[in-house]
């Protein structure tokens, strides 16, 4: 059966909000795989570590496959040591999101996240040879590239995953523009990114919605949404769909995708329900069709 996964939480939610969110996820049987861990800013791990450990235990007790995601950019020795500690724990399932994590996981089964640049079959073959058993393809791939990589990935015995919901990551920096926007520095940020549950909206000078600041990360403004495209993805060989957390009912979103996969909803009906669930958020699927990523291409 094709699996539905919940990606790691990329936003700096309060401990209470995190605890409630993951309690709801643990109670939602639609999710087969749940990725947890801090992928954006190591400073958040210090304050959220205990609640995330409790969430992992609750998810495993509920029968979910829990995968621990690494940082996507390590710039300091403590951050590199934290990745080494995570990749060095053989009892954990780990998703690598940077090259250092790949090195630490080489030779043992592991997951490869969407922050690893995998744009051709040669790279995919190297990753598989080093122990990768699953890969989530980069957000910006078009359908032709997905088809090629999914076919080869399945031939190599890998699970192939595609992001179908969430704000696409566009860049990550050692500097924190989110803190700077509030007049603070990275070292003295006071975790100000917790004021924006889905990141801080950035507009152009003429007032058009443009990007989203999320701590060290820059995300798209529009929400990537692939729904009507799911039958095509399944035909390509994709066998896991990833939903990246937003501040909405993620259980309801997962159930819509499951009903679509089970044939209880048509692609058109499922897409209509997902757009309604997004509310005022702008949907986008341009990357899939090989056009501007922020566009909605029917």
Protein backbone atom coordinates (compact mmCIF):
# COMPACT_ATOMS: atom_id res chain seq x y z
CA UNK A 1 0.00 0.00 0.00
CA UNK A 2 1.25 3.47 -0.85
CA UNK A 3 2.31 5.27 2.34
CA UNK A 4 1.52 8.75 3.63
CA UNK A 5 4.25 10.51 5.58
CA UNK A 6 4.34 13.65 7.70
CA UNK A 7 7.51 15.67 7.22
CA UNK A 8 9.47 17.31 10.04
CA UNK A 9 8.02 20.45 11.59
CA UNK A 10 9.95 23.35 10.11
CA UNK A 11 8.41 26.14 12.19
CA UNK A 12 9.27 27.18 15.75
CA UNK A 13 6.03 26.37 17.54
CA UNK A 14 5.73 26.61 21.31
CA UNK A 15 6.23 23.46 23.37
CA UNK A 16 2.51 23.34 24.18
CA UNK A 17 1.52 23.69 20.52
CA UNK A 18 4.06 21.04 19.51
CA UNK A 19 2.84 18.62 22.16
CA UNK A 20 -0.79 19.03 21.08
CA UNK A 21 0.16 18.70 17.41
CA UNK A 22 2.06 15.44 17.82
CA UNK A 23 -0.56 14.01 20.16
CA UNK A 24 -3.08 14.51 17.35
CA UNK A 25 -0.67 12.95 14.83
CA UNK A 26 -0.17 9.91 17.08
CA UNK A 27 -3.94 9.49 17.21
CA UNK A 28 -4.27 9.73 13.41
CA UNK A 29 -3.76 6.26 11.88
CA UNK A 30 -3.60 7.66 8.34
CA UNK A 31 0.05 8.62 8.81
CA UNK A 32 2.35 5.66 8.19
CA UNK A 33 5.67 7.49 8.62
CA UNK A 34 6.44 10.56 10.74
CA UNK A 35 9.68 12.51 10.39
CA UNK A 36 10.72 14.47 13.46
CA UNK A 37 13.73 16.54 14.36
CA UNK A 38 15.05 20.05 13.80
CA UNK A 39 16.06 20.65 10.19
CA UNK A 40 16.35 24.46 10.24
CA UNK A 41 18.01 25.93 13.35
CA UNK A 42 19.98 24.09 16.02
CA UNK A 43 19.07 26.73 18.62
CA UNK A 44 15.47 25.51 18.55
CA UNK A 45 16.58 22.00 19.52
CA UNK A 46 17.77 23.19 22.91
CA UNK A 47 14.29 24.35 23.95
CA UNK A 48 12.22 21.77 22.07
CA UNK A 49 14.31 18.64 22.66
CA UNK A 50 12.33 17.24 25.63
CA UNK A 51 8.88 17.65 24.04
CA UNK A 52 10.12 16.13 20.78
CA UNK A 53 11.53 13.12 22.65
CA UNK A 54 8.12 12.61 24.24
CA UNK A 55 6.47 12.97 20.85
CA UNK A 56 8.76 10.32 19.34
CA UNK A 57 7.92 7.89 22.12
CA UNK A 58 4.18 8.50 21.72
CA UNK A 59 4.35 8.08 17.94
CA UNK A 60 6.26 4.79 18.21
CA UNK A 61 3.79 3.53 20.82
CA UNK A 62 0.98 4.35 18.37
CA UNK A 63 2.62 2.23 15.69
CA UNK A 64 4.04 4.98 13.48
CA UNK A 65 7.42 4.59 11.80
CA UNK A 66 9.48 7.41 13.32
CA UNK A 67 12.41 8.80 11.34
CA UNK A 68 14.79 11.38 12.84
CA UNK A 69 15.71 14.15 10.38
CA UNK A 70 19.04 15.98 10.60
CA UNK A 71 19.82 19.66 10.16
CA UNK A 72 20.03 20.77 6.55
CA UNK A 73 22.95 23.14 7.26
CA UNK A 74 25.60 22.68 9.95
CA UNK A 75 27.92 25.68 10.37
CA UNK A 76 29.43 25.18 13.85
CA UNK A 77 31.29 22.40 15.63
CA UNK A 78 28.40 21.77 18.08
CA UNK A 79 26.00 21.41 15.14
CA UNK A 80 28.32 18.96 13.41
CA UNK A 81 28.68 16.98 16.64
CA UNK A 82 24.90 16.88 17.05
CA UNK A 83 24.56 15.38 13.56
CA UNK A 84 27.34 12.89 14.33
CA UNK A 85 25.62 11.87 17.56
CA UNK A 86 22.34 11.30 15.73
CA UNK A 87 23.84 9.37 12.83
CA UNK A 88 25.97 7.36 15.23
CA UNK A 89 22.97 5.94 17.10
CA UNK A 90 22.28 2.57 15.41
CA UNK A 91 18.86 2.11 17.02
CA UNK A 92 17.40 5.13 15.23
CA UNK A 93 16.04 5.50 11.72
CA UNK A 94 17.71 8.66 10.39
CA UNK A 95 17.06 10.94 7.43
CA UNK A 96 20.13 12.77 6.10
CA UNK A 97 19.61 16.34 4.98
CA UNK A 98 23.24 17.33 4.48
CA UNK A 99 26.41 15.70 3.17
CA UNK A 100 27.92 15.32 6.65
CA UNK A 101 24.97 13.21 7.72
CA UNK A 102 25.37 11.07 4.60
CA UNK A 103 28.95 10.37 5.62
CA UNK A 104 27.91 9.33 9.11
CA UNK A 105 25.21 7.00 7.78
CA UNK A 106 27.26 5.35 5.03
CA UNK A 107 27.11 1.58 5.15
CA UNK A 108 23.85 1.30 7.10
CA UNK A 109 20.22 1.60 5.96
CA UNK A 110 19.05 5.21 6.04
CA UNK A 111 16.72 7.78 4.52
CA UNK A 112 17.71 10.69 2.27
CA UNK A 113 15.80 13.94 2.64
CA UNK A 114 14.71 16.54 0.07
CA UNK A 115 17.58 18.90 0.97
CA UNK A 116 20.10 16.53 -0.62
CA UNK A 117 20.65 17.49 -4.26
CA UNK A 118 19.64 14.40 -6.21
CA UNK A 119 18.85 15.38 -9.78
CA UNK A 120 20.07 12.40 -11.79
CA UNK A 121 20.18 8.62 -11.69
CA UNK A 122 23.95 8.56 -11.16
CA UNK A 123 23.57 10.35 -7.84
CA UNK A 124 20.68 8.06 -6.93
CA UNK A 125 22.81 4.99 -7.62
CA UNK A 126 25.65 6.30 -5.43
CA UNK A 127 23.22 7.00 -2.58
CA UNK A 128 21.73 3.51 -2.87
CA UNK A 129 25.17 1.90 -2.92
CA UNK A 130 26.04 3.72 0.33
CA UNK A 131 22.95 2.38 2.11
CA UNK A 132 20.06 4.69 1.25
CA UNK A 133 16.82 2.72 1.39
CA UNK A 134 14.49 5.68 0.85
CA UNK A 135 14.68 9.07 -0.79
CA UNK A 136 12.41 12.12 -0.75
CA UNK A 137 13.06 13.86 -4.05
CA UNK A 138 13.79 17.62 -4.14
CA UNK A 139 10.73 19.87 -4.25
CA UNK A 140 11.63 21.62 -7.51
CA UNK A 141 11.78 18.59 -9.80
CA UNK A 142 9.44 18.50 -12.77
CA UNK A 143 7.33 15.47 -13.69
CA UNK A 144 9.77 14.18 -16.32
CA UNK A 145 12.63 14.15 -13.82
CA UNK A 146 10.45 12.55 -11.15
CA UNK A 147 9.47 9.79 -13.56
CA UNK A 148 13.10 9.00 -14.41
CA UNK A 149 14.28 9.02 -10.79
CA UNK A 150 11.27 7.13 -9.45
CA UNK A 151 11.74 4.36 -12.01
CA UNK A 152 15.44 3.99 -11.23
CA UNK A 153 14.87 4.26 -7.50
CA UNK A 154 12.37 1.43 -7.51
CA UNK A 155 14.74 -0.67 -9.64
CA UNK A 156 17.36 -0.12 -6.92
CA UNK A 157 14.90 -1.27 -4.27
CA UNK A 158 14.43 2.19 -2.75
CA UNK A 159 11.25 3.79 -1.48
CA UNK A 160 10.63 6.96 -3.50
CA UNK A 161 8.85 9.84 -1.81
CA UNK A 162 7.54 13.13 -3.18
CA UNK A 163 6.42 16.26 -1.31
CA UNK A 164 2.78 16.95 -2.13
CA UNK A 165 1.88 19.61 0.47
CA UNK A 166 3.83 22.42 2.10
CA UNK A 167 5.88 25.55 1.50
CA UNK A 168 8.86 24.71 -0.68
CA UNK A 169 12.28 25.50 0.84
CA UNK A 170 14.23 27.80 -1.47
CA UNK A 171 17.41 28.63 0.47
CA UNK A 172 19.06 28.39 3.88
CA UNK A 173 21.69 30.69 5.33
CA UNK A 174 24.08 30.86 8.26
CA UNK A 175 22.52 34.26 9.00
CA UNK A 176 19.00 34.65 10.37
CA UNK A 177 17.03 37.14 8.29
CA UNK A 178 13.95 36.37 10.39
CA UNK A 179 15.66 37.75 13.50
CA UNK A 180 17.00 40.69 11.52
CA UNK A 181 13.48 41.56 10.37
CA UNK A 182 12.57 42.01 14.04
CA UNK A 183 15.66 44.13 14.68
CA UNK A 184 17.63 41.37 16.41
CA UNK A 185 20.77 39.36 15.74
CA UNK A 186 21.02 35.60 15.35
CA UNK A 187 22.86 35.17 18.65
CA UNK A 188 20.34 37.35 20.48
CA UNK A 189 17.23 36.36 18.55
CA UNK A 190 15.11 35.50 21.62
CA UNK A 191 13.60 32.77 19.42
CA UNK A 192 11.53 35.48 17.75
CA UNK A 193 10.57 33.11 14.92
CA UNK A 194 7.97 31.62 17.28
CA UNK A 195 5.79 34.67 16.56
CA UNK A 196 5.03 33.37 13.06
CA UNK A 197 3.34 29.96 12.98
CA UNK A 198 3.96 29.57 9.24
CA UNK A 199 6.89 31.93 8.86
CA UNK A 200 6.98 35.66 8.16
CA UNK A 201 5.48 36.81 4.86
CA UNK A 202 7.75 38.90 2.64
CA UNK A 203 6.23 41.22 0.03
CA UNK A 204 7.80 42.99 -2.92
CA UNK A 205 8.11 46.78 -2.93
CA UNK A 206 4.82 47.02 -4.81
CA UNK A 207 3.02 44.85 -2.24
CA UNK A 208 2.92 41.48 -3.98
CA UNK A 209 3.33 38.34 -1.89
CA UNK A 210 6.78 36.96 -2.58
CA UNK A 211 8.55 34.74 -0.03
CA UNK A 212 8.38 33.43 3.54
CA UNK A 213 11.11 33.85 6.16
CA UNK A 214 11.42 30.89 8.53
CA UNK A 215 14.41 31.39 10.78
CA UNK A 216 17.51 30.64 8.69
CA UNK A 217 15.38 29.32 5.86
CA UNK A 218 13.66 31.09 2.99
CA UNK A 219 10.50 29.37 1.80
CA UNK A 220 8.05 29.96 -1.00
CA UNK A 221 5.02 32.09 -0.25
CA UNK A 222 2.59 29.79 -2.03
CA UNK A 223 1.86 26.29 -0.76
CA UNK A 224 2.92 23.45 -3.03
CA UNK A 225 -0.16 21.31 -3.59
CA UNK A 226 -0.19 18.14 -5.68
CA UNK A 227 -3.52 16.33 -5.64
CA UNK A 228 -4.85 15.79 -9.15
CA UNK A 229 -1.28 14.71 -10.00
CA UNK A 230 -1.29 11.79 -7.52
CA UNK A 231 -2.44 9.08 -10.00
CA UNK A 232 0.40 10.15 -12.30
CA UNK A 233 2.91 9.96 -9.44
CA UNK A 234 1.69 6.47 -8.53
CA UNK A 235 2.06 5.36 -12.15
CA UNK A 236 5.63 6.71 -12.09
CA UNK A 237 6.51 4.42 -9.19
CA UNK A 238 6.34 6.90 -6.31
CA UNK A 239 5.27 4.90 -3.26
CA UNK A 240 5.19 7.48 -0.48
CA UNK A 241 3.62 10.94 -0.29
CA UNK A 242 5.00 13.52 2.15
CA UNK A 243 2.92 16.26 3.73
CA UNK A 244 4.94 19.07 5.32
CA UNK A 245 3.28 20.48 8.48
CA UNK A 246 1.27 23.66 8.21
CA UNK A 247 -0.86 25.33 10.88
CA UNK A 248 -4.02 23.50 9.85
CA UNK A 249 -5.67 20.12 10.45
CA UNK A 250 -2.97 17.84 9.04
CA UNK A 251 -5.00 14.76 9.96
CA UNK A 252 -7.81 15.99 7.72
CA UNK A 253 -5.33 16.58 4.91
CA UNK A 254 -3.93 13.06 5.28
CA UNK A 255 -7.40 11.56 5.19
CA UNK A 256 -8.19 13.36 1.92
CA UNK A 257 -5.07 11.88 0.32
CA UNK A 258 -5.87 8.43 1.69
CA UNK A 259 -9.41 8.58 0.32
CA UNK A 260 -7.98 9.62 -3.04
CA UNK A 261 -5.55 6.70 -3.01
CA UNK A 262 -8.30 4.28 -1.98
CA UNK A 263 -10.62 5.48 -4.75
CA UNK A 264 -13.16 6.97 -2.35
CA UNK A 265 -12.55 10.45 -3.83
CA UNK A 266 -11.93 11.48 -7.40
CA UNK A 267 -8.81 13.60 -8.03
CA UNK A 268 -11.02 16.61 -8.76
CA UNK A 269 -13.02 16.20 -5.55
CA UNK A 270 -9.88 15.65 -3.47
CA UNK A 271 -8.25 18.74 -4.96
CA UNK A 272 -11.35 20.82 -4.22
CA UNK A 273 -11.34 19.66 -0.59
CA UNK A 274 -7.62 20.37 -0.18
CA UNK A 275 -7.95 23.88 -1.61
CA UNK A 276 -10.81 24.52 0.82
CA UNK A 277 -8.64 23.22 3.69
CA UNK A 278 -5.87 25.64 2.74
CA UNK A 279 -8.24 28.55 3.23
CA UNK A 280 -6.62 31.83 2.14
CA UNK A 281 -3.24 30.22 1.40
CA UNK A 282 -2.29 30.31 -2.28
CA UNK A 283 -1.73 26.88 -3.89
CA UNK A 284 1.05 26.24 -6.39
CA UNK A 285 2.15 23.30 -8.52
CA UNK A 286 4.34 24.98 -11.13
CA UNK A 287 7.49 22.98 -10.38
CA UNK A 288 5.74 19.73 -11.31
CA UNK A 289 4.77 21.11 -14.73
CA UNK A 290 8.15 22.65 -15.44
CA UNK A 291 7.00 26.27 -15.16
CA UNK A 292 7.45 28.94 -12.48
CA UNK A 293 7.11 27.19 -9.13
CA UNK A 294 4.75 29.79 -7.66
CA UNK A 295 2.13 29.31 -10.38
CA UNK A 296 -1.03 27.20 -10.26
CA UNK A 297 -0.98 25.16 -13.47
CA UNK A 298 -4.14 23.18 -14.16
